[in-house]
Amino acid sequence: MRSRVPFDDPRVARAFSLLAALASVTERAHTEATLASGIAAALAAALPLVHLARGDAPRVVVRDAPMRATFTIPLEDTTLVCAFAADDAELDALVPWGEPLRDAITRVVRASFAQVHALARVAAVSRRALGDSARLRDELDRAASPDSIVATSPAMRRLVHEIVPLVAAQDVTVLLRGESGTGKEVIARRLHARSSRARRPFVAINCGALPETLAESALFGHERGAFTGAVRRHLGVFERAHGGTLLLDEIGELGAAMQARILRALQEGELERVGGSATVRVDVRIVAATHRPLEEMVESGRFRQDLFYRLDVVPIELPPLRDRIEDVEPLARAALLRIATRMGRAVPALDAHDVARLEAWHWPGNVRELENLIERALVLTRGDVIELPATFGAPPPRRAARSTMIERFDDAQRRLITEALEACGGRVYGPTGAAARLGLAPTTLQSKMEKLGLRRR
């Protein structure tokens, strides 16, 4: 029986150092070749290794010396042979060369090769995924999904298939213009998906929905303690979109102060959080969207001219739905499929009569109005054919003329003032005068009396 080796034997320390060196090889090796070279170097540092052979792979030669002992390690698909220029007794003089050490070396080396094999499989899957990304993106573009773009009309076909790919390939600022509900955010997402930033974040914010007191924090973030309720640091949309695309929807709704701060962020590529003093560098592609006439706002002073020219690098105009009637039916069917699937129900049919009603409408709310109409009809439909609301397409009821309302209002004012003057004995001023009784300032009451042709009695 082999005698137990004392723990304080110097050979034990060398054995532990050898196992630690073998384990560290795995952290640096990513292929079988580099792993074999690393194992050979770790063994040669503690033992007189001659060469290391792995199946049919080339040998890793360490030194030129006669082979006197071998150590075999079975791997998953082959065998690793370590040859030494010493016999077992000579090896035992260097490290406790016995079954425990050989088993430990075997477990470490087999685990290392298993990890390298796993990394190789992951790398192969990643390469296949990268190779298929363009094909899959094109398939997704054509699929009937919530993110697909219906482009049947010539205007939309040119926009989606010609303009968007050209603009997406260049890292430039884009200004999307069009009426509300025309799909500006959908186009912004397509620009991001077809750009070099597609694997980075896409962040959208509706500037028109930001309260003036919170706009700065939402856009640029804040530090902890910057204001009451700021219990932790908050990153604004510029930082969250770092490396990707930021959609500033309805940018024409921002006030002058926020316009100035956004201009600096675009020009310098840097910002400061609310309550902070450090400058934060950001790299974002800006896509702005608006339904406002920005040129008129610039002339009236409501929108900064320098910010307008900074945003208007590549303007893209989205046509309203009434100018692309060819898209109404496919848009309706796509919305019907999507909403019915979300509701978990069968997709009802859309008959020709209802298609004609849809195409005859002028769609002031554009695609958003169409989708809302389809959803409302689907909720109310119980049969196999969707039923559009009976009121759809009817003109709104006319309002009563305002002139009669104004005339009656003048008569009511004349009657109330006359009654107040009679009750107060013709007195206008004072706590008991007609002005106090009517809740008006005396000068205001006198002005109304002159306008209505009344005199004090």
Protein backbone atom coordinates (compact mmCIF):
# COMPACT_ATOMS: atom_id res chain seq x y z
CA MET A 1 0.00 0.00 0.00
CA ARG A 2 1.24 3.47 -0.92
CA SER A 3 2.11 5.54 2.17
CA ARG A 4 0.21 8.79 2.81
CA VAL A 5 2.14 11.91 1.82
CA PRO A 6 2.43 14.50 4.61
CA PHE A 7 0.59 17.72 3.86
CA ASP A 8 3.68 19.82 4.54
CA ASP A 9 5.67 17.88 1.95
CA PRO A 10 6.98 20.37 -0.69
CA ARG A 11 5.77 18.01 -3.41
CA VAL A 12 2.16 18.63 -2.29
CA ALA A 13 2.53 22.36 -2.83
CA ARG A 14 3.89 21.71 -6.32
CA ALA A 15 0.95 19.40 -7.06
CA PHE A 16 -1.58 22.06 -6.02
CA SER A 17 0.25 24.65 -8.12
CA LEU A 18 0.06 22.30 -11.10
CA LEU A 19 -3.73 21.82 -10.69
CA ALA A 20 -4.23 25.58 -10.32
CA ALA A 21 -2.20 26.22 -13.50
CA LEU A 22 -4.27 23.66 -15.42
CA ALA A 23 -7.51 25.24 -14.21
CA SER A 24 -6.39 28.73 -15.24
CA VAL A 25 -5.67 27.52 -18.78
CA THR A 26 -9.43 27.17 -19.39
CA GLU A 27 -10.01 30.88 -18.80
CA ARG A 28 -7.62 31.79 -21.62
CA ALA A 29 -8.23 29.00 -24.14
CA HIS A 30 -11.13 29.13 -26.61
CA THR A 31 -10.06 26.42 -29.09
CA GLU A 32 -8.78 22.87 -28.75
CA ALA A 33 -5.39 23.87 -30.16
CA THR A 34 -4.81 26.69 -27.66
CA LEU A 35 -6.11 24.50 -24.84
CA ALA A 36 -3.67 21.68 -25.72
CA SER A 37 -0.77 24.14 -25.83
CA GLY A 38 -1.78 25.60 -22.48
CA ILE A 39 -2.05 22.18 -20.83
CA ALA A 40 1.38 21.25 -22.19
CA ALA A 41 2.91 24.44 -20.77
CA ALA A 42 1.32 23.89 -17.35
CA LEU A 43 2.52 20.27 -17.13
CA ALA A 44 6.02 21.12 -18.40
CA ALA A 45 6.41 23.74 -15.65
CA ALA A 46 6.15 21.03 -12.98
CA LEU A 47 7.15 17.78 -14.74
CA PRO A 48 9.65 16.76 -17.46
CA LEU A 49 7.02 16.62 -20.22
CA VAL A 50 8.29 15.54 -23.66
CA HIS A 51 5.18 15.93 -25.80
CA LEU A 52 1.38 15.92 -25.69
CA ALA A 53 -0.66 14.14 -28.37
CA ARG A 54 -4.42 14.41 -28.92
CA GLY A 55 -5.85 11.85 -31.35
CA ASP A 56 -5.01 12.72 -34.93
CA ALA A 57 -4.10 16.32 -34.07
CA PRO A 58 -0.45 17.42 -34.37
CA ARG A 59 1.70 16.79 -31.31
CA VAL A 60 2.68 19.59 -28.98
CA VAL A 61 6.43 18.98 -28.54
CA VAL A 62 7.95 20.48 -25.41
CA ARG A 63 11.52 19.08 -25.31
CA ASP A 64 13.75 16.66 -27.17
CA ALA A 65 14.25 13.73 -24.77
CA PRO A 66 13.52 10.00 -24.72
CA MET A 67 10.01 9.07 -23.58
CA ARG A 68 10.08 6.95 -20.41
CA ALA A 69 6.52 7.17 -19.00
CA THR A 70 3.06 8.07 -20.39
CA PHE A 71 -0.13 9.30 -18.84
CA THR A 72 -3.40 8.84 -20.80
CA ILE A 73 -6.51 11.01 -20.31
CA PRO A 74 -9.72 9.80 -22.06
CA LEU A 75 -11.70 12.66 -23.59
CA GLU A 76 -15.20 12.79 -25.11
CA ASP A 77 -14.18 11.83 -28.64
CA THR A 78 -10.46 11.04 -28.43
CA THR A 79 -7.56 10.47 -26.04
CA LEU A 80 -4.91 12.82 -24.69
CA VAL A 81 -1.48 11.22 -24.22
CA CYS A 82 1.17 12.94 -22.08
CA ALA A 83 4.73 11.58 -22.45
CA PHE A 84 7.43 12.24 -19.80
CA ALA A 85 11.23 11.96 -19.81
CA ALA A 86 11.06 10.16 -16.42
CA ASP A 87 9.59 7.02 -14.98
CA ASP A 88 6.90 6.89 -12.29
CA ALA A 89 9.41 6.87 -9.43
CA GLU A 90 11.19 9.94 -10.78
CA LEU A 91 7.87 11.69 -11.27
CA ASP A 92 6.93 10.83 -7.69
CA ALA A 93 10.05 12.60 -6.52
CA LEU A 94 8.73 15.82 -8.07
CA VAL A 95 5.02 15.55 -7.15
CA PRO A 96 3.02 12.86 -5.32
CA TRP A 97 2.54 10.96 -8.59
CA GLY A 98 -0.25 8.57 -7.72
CA GLU A 99 -3.88 7.82 -8.49
CA PRO A 100 -5.31 10.82 -6.58
CA LEU A 101 -3.20 13.33 -8.52
CA ARG A 102 -3.77 11.59 -11.83
CA ASP A 103 -7.55 11.54 -11.21
CA ALA A 104 -7.53 15.23 -10.32
CA ILE A 105 -5.57 16.13 -13.48
CA THR A 106 -7.95 13.99 -15.56
CA ARG A 107 -11.06 15.75 -14.17
CA VAL A 108 -9.60 19.23 -14.73
CA VAL A 109 -8.46 18.48 -18.29
CA ARG A 110 -11.73 16.78 -19.31
CA ALA A 111 -13.75 19.70 -17.92
CA SER A 112 -11.54 22.11 -19.87
CA PHE A 113 -12.11 20.31 -23.17
CA ALA A 114 -15.85 20.06 -22.47
CA GLN A 115 -16.02 23.82 -21.97
CA VAL A 116 -14.07 24.50 -25.15
CA HIS A 117 -16.46 22.22 -27.07
CA ALA A 118 -19.43 24.10 -25.63
CA LEU A 119 -17.90 27.44 -26.61
CA ALA A 120 -17.32 26.14 -30.12
CA ARG A 121 -20.98 25.09 -30.42
CA VAL A 122 -22.15 28.50 -29.17
CA ALA A 123 -19.83 30.23 -31.65
CA ALA A 124 -21.18 28.11 -34.50
CA VAL A 125 -24.78 28.96 -33.59
CA SER A 126 -23.86 32.64 -33.36
CA ARG A 127 -22.23 32.58 -36.79
CA ARG A 128 -25.29 30.93 -38.30
CA ALA A 129 -27.53 33.51 -36.64
CA LEU A 130 -25.44 36.38 -37.98
CA GLY A 131 -25.40 34.86 -41.43
CA ASP A 132 -29.19 34.49 -41.46
CA SER A 133 -29.99 37.92 -39.96
CA ALA A 134 -30.48 39.70 -43.29
CA ARG A 135 -32.71 36.93 -44.65
CA LEU A 136 -34.76 36.77 -41.46
CA ARG A 137 -35.15 40.55 -41.41
CA ASP A 138 -36.53 40.50 -44.94
CA GLU A 139 -38.94 37.69 -44.01
CA LEU A 140 -40.12 39.62 -40.98
CA ASP A 141 -40.65 42.68 -43.13
CA ARG A 142 -43.02 40.70 -45.32
CA ALA A 143 -44.76 38.87 -42.49
CA ALA A 144 -48.17 39.90 -41.21
CA SER A 145 -47.00 41.07 -37.80
CA PRO A 146 -47.71 44.15 -35.69
CA ASP A 147 -44.46 45.69 -36.89
CA SER A 148 -45.06 45.07 -40.60
CA ILE A 149 -45.72 47.99 -42.91
CA VAL A 150 -48.51 47.78 -45.46
CA ALA A 151 -47.22 49.36 -48.65
CA THR A 152 -49.59 48.76 -51.55
CA SER A 153 -49.90 52.30 -52.87
CA PRO A 154 -47.08 53.66 -55.04
CA ALA A 155 -46.26 56.40 -52.50
CA MET A 156 -45.82 53.93 -49.63
CA ARG A 157 -43.96 51.39 -51.78
CA ARG A 158 -41.42 54.04 -52.72
CA LEU A 159 -41.13 55.21 -49.12
CA VAL A 160 -40.69 51.75 -47.57
CA HIS A 161 -38.65 50.01 -50.25
CA GLU A 162 -36.52 52.84 -51.63
CA ILE A 163 -36.25 55.83 -49.28
CA VAL A 164 -36.12 54.04 -45.91
CA PRO A 165 -33.29 51.61 -46.85
CA LEU A 166 -31.20 54.46 -48.29
CA VAL A 167 -31.67 56.69 -45.24
CA ALA A 168 -31.26 53.86 -42.74
CA ALA A 169 -27.84 52.99 -44.12
CA GLN A 170 -26.53 56.48 -43.29
CA ASP A 171 -26.15 57.60 -39.67
CA VAL A 172 -27.96 60.92 -40.16
CA THR A 173 -30.73 62.77 -38.32
CA VAL A 174 -34.20 62.25 -39.78
CA LEU A 175 -37.31 64.43 -39.46
CA LEU A 176 -40.55 62.50 -40.02
CA ARG A 177 -43.47 64.71 -40.97
CA GLY A 178 -47.10 63.85 -41.42
CA GLU A 179 -50.53 63.99 -39.85
CA SER A 180 -51.24 62.22 -36.58
CA GLY A 181 -51.83 58.51 -37.03
CA THR A 182 -49.93 58.10 -40.31
CA GLY A 183 -47.36 55.69 -38.78
CA LYS A 184 -44.37 57.89 -38.04
CA GLU A 185 -43.19 55.67 -35.17
CA VAL A 186 -43.48 52.56 -37.37
CA ILE A 187 -41.21 54.18 -39.96
CA ALA A 188 -38.80 55.24 -37.19
CA ARG A 189 -38.57 51.64 -35.98
CA ARG A 190 -37.94 50.46 -39.54
CA LEU A 191 -35.13 53.01 -39.91
CA HIS A 192 -33.57 51.67 -36.71
CA ALA A 193 -33.99 48.01 -37.67
CA ARG A 194 -32.28 48.52 -41.03
CA SER A 195 -29.40 50.60 -39.63
CA SER A 196 -26.02 49.66 -38.17
CA ARG A 197 -27.50 50.42 -34.73
CA ALA A 198 -30.13 47.70 -34.99
CA ARG A 199 -28.65 45.65 -32.13
CA ARG A 200 -28.63 48.65 -29.81
CA PRO A 201 -31.65 50.19 -28.03
CA PHE A 202 -34.55 51.93 -29.73
CA VAL A 203 -36.15 54.43 -27.33
CA ALA A 204 -39.22 56.53 -28.12
CA ILE A 205 -40.67 59.41 -26.11
CA ASN A 206 -43.73 61.54 -26.79
CA CYS A 207 -42.58 65.10 -26.13
CA GLY A 208 -46.16 66.36 -26.23
CA ALA A 209 -47.09 64.18 -23.24
CA LEU A 210 -44.30 65.49 -21.00
CA PRO A 211 -45.31 67.91 -18.23
CA GLU A 212 -43.09 70.98 -18.37
CA THR A 213 -41.79 70.33 -14.85
CA LEU A 214 -40.70 66.77 -15.68
CA ALA A 215 -39.50 67.19 -19.26
CA GLU A 216 -35.87 67.88 -18.33
CA SER A 217 -35.64 64.83 -16.08
CA ALA A 218 -37.35 62.57 -18.64
CA LEU A 219 -35.02 63.66 -21.42
CA PHE A 220 -31.70 64.07 -19.60
CA GLY A 221 -32.14 62.21 -16.28
CA HIS A 222 -31.48 63.39 -12.74
CA GLU A 223 -29.18 62.69 -9.82
CA ARG A 224 -30.29 61.42 -6.45
CA GLY A 225 -31.56 64.30 -4.31
CA ALA A 226 -31.92 66.67 -7.28
CA PHE A 227 -35.47 67.47 -6.17
CA THR A 228 -38.10 66.21 -3.76
CA GLY A 229 -38.83 62.57 -4.53
CA ALA A 230 -35.56 61.92 -6.40
CA VAL A 231 -34.54 58.99 -4.20
CA ARG A 232 -32.18 57.47 -6.79
CA ARG A 233 -30.34 58.35 -9.97
CA HIS A 234 -32.53 58.25 -13.06
CA LEU A 235 -31.24 57.96 -16.62
CA GLY A 236 -33.04 60.00 -19.25
CA VAL A 237 -33.97 58.77 -22.71
CA PHE A 238 -30.76 60.13 -24.24
CA GLU A 239 -28.63 57.89 -22.01
CA ARG A 240 -30.96 54.90 -22.33
CA ALA A 241 -30.68 55.14 -26.11
CA HIS A 242 -26.85 55.36 -26.05
CA GLY A 243 -25.47 53.59 -29.10
CA GLY A 244 -28.94 53.25 -30.61
CA THR A 245 -31.80 55.39 -31.90
CA LEU A 246 -33.92 57.95 -30.05
CA LEU A 247 -37.33 58.93 -31.43
CA LEU A 248 -38.43 62.39 -30.27
CA ASP A 249 -42.10 62.20 -31.18
CA GLU A 250 -44.10 65.44 -31.41
CA ILE A 251 -40.96 67.51 -30.90
CA GLY A 252 -42.85 70.65 -31.89
CA GLU A 253 -44.63 70.56 -28.51
CA LEU A 254 -41.46 71.26 -26.49
CA GLY A 255 -40.90 74.62 -24.84
CA ALA A 256 -38.03 76.97 -25.62
CA ALA A 257 -35.85 75.83 -22.68
CA MET A 258 -36.01 72.17 -23.68
CA GLN A 259 -35.38 73.05 -27.32
CA ALA A 260 -32.13 74.76 -26.27
CA ARG A 261 -30.99 71.77 -24.21
CA ILE A 262 -31.79 69.31 -26.99
CA LEU A 263 -29.85 71.48 -29.44
CA ARG A 264 -26.77 71.33 -27.21
CA ALA A 265 -27.09 67.55 -26.84
CA LEU A 266 -27.24 67.20 -30.63
CA GLN A 267 -24.37 69.59 -31.33
CA GLU A 268 -21.96 68.49 -28.60
CA GLY A 269 -23.05 64.91 -28.02
CA GLU A 270 -23.12 65.51 -24.27
CA LEU A 271 -25.55 66.39 -21.50
CA GLU A 272 -25.82 67.02 -17.77
CA ARG A 273 -28.36 65.33 -15.54
CA VAL A 274 -30.63 67.49 -13.40
CA GLY A 275 -28.82 68.18 -10.14
CA GLY A 276 -25.48 66.94 -11.52
CA SER A 277 -22.30 68.68 -12.55
CA ALA A 278 -20.57 65.93 -14.54
CA THR A 279 -20.83 65.92 -18.33
CA VAL A 280 -22.14 62.68 -19.83
CA ARG A 281 -21.19 61.74 -23.38
CA VAL A 282 -23.94 60.15 -25.47
CA ASP A 283 -23.98 58.64 -28.94
CA VAL A 284 -27.50 58.48 -30.33
CA ARG A 285 -29.13 58.74 -33.71
CA ILE A 286 -32.02 61.20 -33.56
CA VAL A 287 -35.27 60.61 -35.41
CA ALA A 288 -37.71 63.45 -34.76
CA ALA A 289 -41.39 63.39 -35.66
CA THR A 290 -44.06 66.07 -35.81
CA HIS A 291 -47.41 66.92 -37.36
CA ARG A 292 -46.83 70.64 -36.80
CA PRO A 293 -45.74 73.11 -39.54
CA LEU A 294 -42.31 73.78 -38.08
CA GLU A 295 -41.44 76.43 -40.68
CA GLU A 296 -44.40 78.55 -39.53
CA MET A 297 -43.44 77.96 -35.90
CA VAL A 298 -39.90 79.16 -36.67
CA GLU A 299 -41.26 82.35 -38.27
CA SER A 300 -43.50 83.04 -35.26
CA GLY A 301 -40.65 82.37 -32.81
CA ARG A 302 -42.24 79.29 -31.24
CA PHE A 303 -39.52 76.93 -32.51
CA ARG A 304 -35.79 77.55 -32.65
CA GLN A 305 -34.47 78.04 -36.15
CA ASP A 306 -31.09 76.45 -35.35
CA LEU A 307 -32.77 73.37 -33.89
CA PHE A 308 -35.04 73.09 -36.91
CA TYR A 309 -32.09 73.03 -39.31
CA ARG A 310 -30.27 70.57 -37.04
CA LEU A 311 -33.25 68.18 -37.24
CA ASP A 312 -34.22 68.75 -40.87
CA VAL A 313 -31.22 66.93 -42.34
CA VAL A 314 -33.28 64.26 -44.10
CA PRO A 315 -37.01 65.10 -44.08
CA ILE A 316 -39.45 62.28 -44.84
CA GLU A 317 -43.10 63.11 -45.49
CA LEU A 318 -45.68 60.41 -44.71
CA PRO A 319 -48.79 60.66 -46.90
CA PRO A 320 -52.19 60.68 -45.17
CA LEU A 321 -54.39 57.63 -45.58
CA ARG A 322 -56.89 59.51 -47.79
CA ASP A 323 -54.10 59.94 -50.36
CA ARG A 324 -53.33 56.21 -50.47
CA ILE A 325 -56.73 54.53 -50.65
CA GLU A 326 -55.07 51.38 -52.07
CA ASP A 327 -53.70 50.71 -48.57
CA VAL A 328 -57.07 50.86 -46.78
CA GLU A 329 -58.20 47.29 -47.43
CA PRO A 330 -54.83 45.58 -46.67
CA LEU A 331 -54.44 47.76 -43.56
CA ALA A 332 -57.91 46.79 -42.39
CA ARG A 333 -57.28 43.09 -42.96
CA ALA A 334 -53.90 43.25 -41.20
CA ALA A 335 -55.47 45.03 -38.22
CA LEU A 336 -58.32 42.50 -38.19
CA LEU A 337 -55.88 39.59 -38.10
CA ARG A 338 -53.72 41.15 -35.42
CA ILE A 339 -56.53 42.24 -33.09
CA ALA A 340 -58.48 38.99 -33.45
CA THR A 341 -55.34 36.98 -32.67
CA ARG A 342 -54.71 39.12 -29.60
CA MET A 343 -58.30 38.52 -28.46
CA GLY A 344 -57.94 34.78 -29.00
CA ARG A 345 -60.86 34.49 -31.41
CA ALA A 346 -61.43 33.44 -35.00
CA VAL A 347 -60.81 36.10 -37.63
CA PRO A 348 -64.12 37.22 -39.16
CA ALA A 349 -64.39 38.01 -42.86
CA LEU A 350 -64.53 41.50 -44.30
CA ASP A 351 -67.07 41.69 -47.15
CA ALA A 352 -66.86 43.84 -50.26
CA HIS A 353 -69.62 46.20 -49.14
CA ASP A 354 -67.72 47.16 -45.97
CA VAL A 355 -64.47 47.48 -47.93
CA ALA A 356 -66.22 50.02 -50.18
CA ARG A 357 -67.45 51.92 -47.10
CA LEU A 358 -63.90 52.00 -45.72
CA GLU A 359 -62.42 53.22 -48.98
CA ALA A 360 -65.04 55.95 -49.31
CA TRP A 361 -64.17 57.53 -45.95
CA HIS A 362 -61.67 60.42 -45.80
CA TRP A 363 -59.91 59.18 -42.58
CA PRO A 364 -59.09 62.34 -40.65
CA GLY A 365 -57.44 60.14 -37.99
CA ASN A 366 -55.49 58.12 -40.60
CA VAL A 367 -54.26 54.60 -39.79
CA ARG A 368 -54.89 54.99 -36.06
CA GLU A 369 -58.55 55.79 -36.73
CA LEU A 370 -58.85 52.76 -39.01
CA GLU A 371 -57.35 50.42 -36.42
CA ASN A 372 -59.62 51.78 -33.69
CA LEU A 373 -62.66 51.31 -35.93
CA ILE A 374 -61.70 47.70 -36.69
CA GLU A 375 -61.16 46.97 -32.99
CA ARG A 376 -64.53 48.50 -32.05
CA ALA A 377 -66.28 46.54 -34.81
CA LEU A 378 -64.57 43.32 -33.76
CA VAL A 379 -65.72 43.73 -30.16
CA LEU A 380 -69.33 44.17 -31.30
CA THR A 381 -69.26 41.41 -33.92
CA ARG A 382 -70.48 37.93 -32.97
CA GLY A 383 -70.82 36.30 -36.40
CA ASP A 384 -68.38 35.17 -39.06
CA VAL A 385 -68.45 38.51 -40.91
CA ILE A 386 -67.30 41.70 -39.22
CA GLU A 387 -70.00 44.35 -38.82
CA LEU A 388 -68.92 47.97 -39.08
CA PRO A 389 -70.86 50.39 -36.85
CA ALA A 390 -73.99 51.74 -38.54
CA THR A 391 -72.91 55.31 -37.74
CA PHE A 392 -69.58 54.91 -39.51
CA GLY A 393 -69.26 57.38 -42.38
CA ALA A 394 -72.25 59.50 -41.32
CA PRO A 395 -71.63 63.26 -41.12
CA PRO A 396 -71.62 64.72 -37.59
CA PRO A 397 -74.85 66.46 -36.47
CA ARG A 398 -75.01 70.20 -37.12
CA ARG A 399 -74.78 72.55 -34.16
CA ALA A 400 -77.36 75.24 -33.52
CA ALA A 401 -76.49 78.66 -34.83
CA ARG A 402 -74.67 80.83 -32.30
CA SER A 403 -76.34 84.12 -33.26
CA THR A 404 -79.60 83.30 -31.43
CA MET A 405 -77.55 82.32 -28.36
CA ILE A 406 -75.78 85.70 -28.34
CA GLU A 407 -79.04 87.59 -28.74
CA ARG A 408 -80.69 85.75 -25.87
CA PHE A 409 -77.60 86.30 -23.74
CA ASP A 410 -77.82 90.07 -24.27
CA ASP A 411 -81.49 90.01 -23.35
CA ALA A 412 -80.69 88.08 -20.17
CA GLN A 413 -77.99 90.59 -19.19
CA ARG A 414 -80.36 93.52 -19.80
CA ARG A 415 -83.08 91.91 -17.65
CA LEU A 416 -80.73 91.06 -14.73
CA ILE A 417 -79.15 94.53 -14.65
CA THR A 418 -82.54 96.23 -14.82
CA GLU A 419 -83.91 94.14 -11.94
CA ALA A 420 -80.77 94.81 -9.82
CA LEU A 421 -81.01 98.57 -10.39
CA GLU A 422 -84.69 98.62 -9.50
CA ALA A 423 -84.06 96.64 -6.31
CA CYS A 424 -81.22 99.00 -5.29
CA GLY A 425 -83.05 102.22 -6.15
CA GLY A 426 -80.75 102.93 -9.10
CA ARG A 427 -77.63 102.79 -6.91
CA VAL A 428 -74.52 101.25 -8.54
CA TYR A 429 -71.73 101.78 -6.00
CA GLY A 430 -71.44 100.65 -2.38
CA PRO A 431 -72.02 97.37 -0.53
CA THR A 432 -75.75 97.57 -1.18
CA GLY A 433 -75.41 98.73 -4.79
CA ALA A 434 -76.36 96.81 -7.94
CA ALA A 435 -72.70 96.02 -8.79
CA ALA A 436 -72.13 94.23 -5.47
CA ARG A 437 -75.42 92.31 -5.86
CA LEU A 438 -74.44 91.11 -9.34
CA GLY A 439 -70.84 90.27 -8.29
CA LEU A 440 -69.31 92.80 -10.67
CA ALA A 441 -66.95 95.71 -10.30
CA PRO A 442 -68.86 99.03 -10.50
CA THR A 443 -66.86 100.12 -13.55
CA THR A 444 -67.66 96.81 -15.27
CA LEU A 445 -71.38 97.24 -14.57
CA GLN A 446 -71.36 100.79 -15.91
CA SER A 447 -69.60 99.60 -19.07
CA LYS A 448 -72.24 96.93 -19.62
CA MET A 449 -75.04 99.41 -19.00
CA GLU A 450 -73.62 101.74 -21.66
CA LYS A 451 -73.27 98.83 -24.10
CA LEU A 452 -76.86 97.74 -23.51
CA GLY A 453 -78.26 101.30 -23.53
CA LEU A 454 -79.49 101.28 -19.91
CA ARG A 455 -79.88 104.35 -17.72
CA ARG A 456 -80.26 104.63 -13.98
CA ARG A 457 -83.74 105.63 -12.79
